[in-house]
Amino acid sequence: MRAALTGRVKRYAERRGLLPNQGELLLCGVSGGADSMCMLSLMSELARMRKFEVAAAHFNHGLRGESSERDAHFVRDYCDAHGVRLETGARTGAAPFGASESESREARYAFFSSAAEKLGAIAVATAHNADDNAETLLLQLARGSGSLPGIAPERVFKSGLRVVRPMLCATRGEIDAYLAARAVPHVEDESNADSRYARNRVRLEVMPALRAVNA
């Protein structure tokens, strides 16, 4: 599973021009969760194959108190142990549950942009996967969107920030299997089980029902 996933992500990313050239730097957005830890490990593998560099960026939203601090320490310890350069940032004055998803995303991407510029990274990689894409399509459908674009493998912001998503071909099950095979640690975000979030309701209730119809 590990080798198969590495090869498939490599082919997916190469076909779409998502990987750096030799000597260039890719900055990975790392929360400490399963998806981003898999991406960091996998991109590090591909970096050795293709002779590019990898660094990590962690943004502490401060929304979960001690859990947020735990995640930040976890990412720092992992990067220190594996010789990965790390840039960290934090949102000050963050509200708890009331903080909107769009506000959090804007703060995170502003930090990614400054970190990428500081390090000279050609792009920031995020760990969106195939399950995230399916959930996004269902949310767009439920909200009556006139089109269903899903999550794009690449996006360039007005600021010039280039974001790539090399893990869109991987399912959550494949990611879990990779982490287990490589003994890559991760932390669990307890807010992922909070059904007050629309995406979590889709993930926890709708997706299992659809898999029961067609796995």
Foldseek 3Di string as FASTA:
>chain_A
DQVVLLVVLVVLCVVVVNDDAAAAEEEEEAQQALLSLLVQVSVVVVCVVRRYYYAYEYEQACQPPPVSVVSVVNVVVVCVVVVHHYHYYYDPPHDHPPDDPVNSVVVVVVVVVVVCVVVVHPAYEYRDEQVQQVLQQVVCVVVPPPDRPGDDQWDQDPVRHIYGYSHHHPDPVRSVVNCVVVVRGGDDDPCLCVVVDVSSCCVPPVVVVVVVVPD
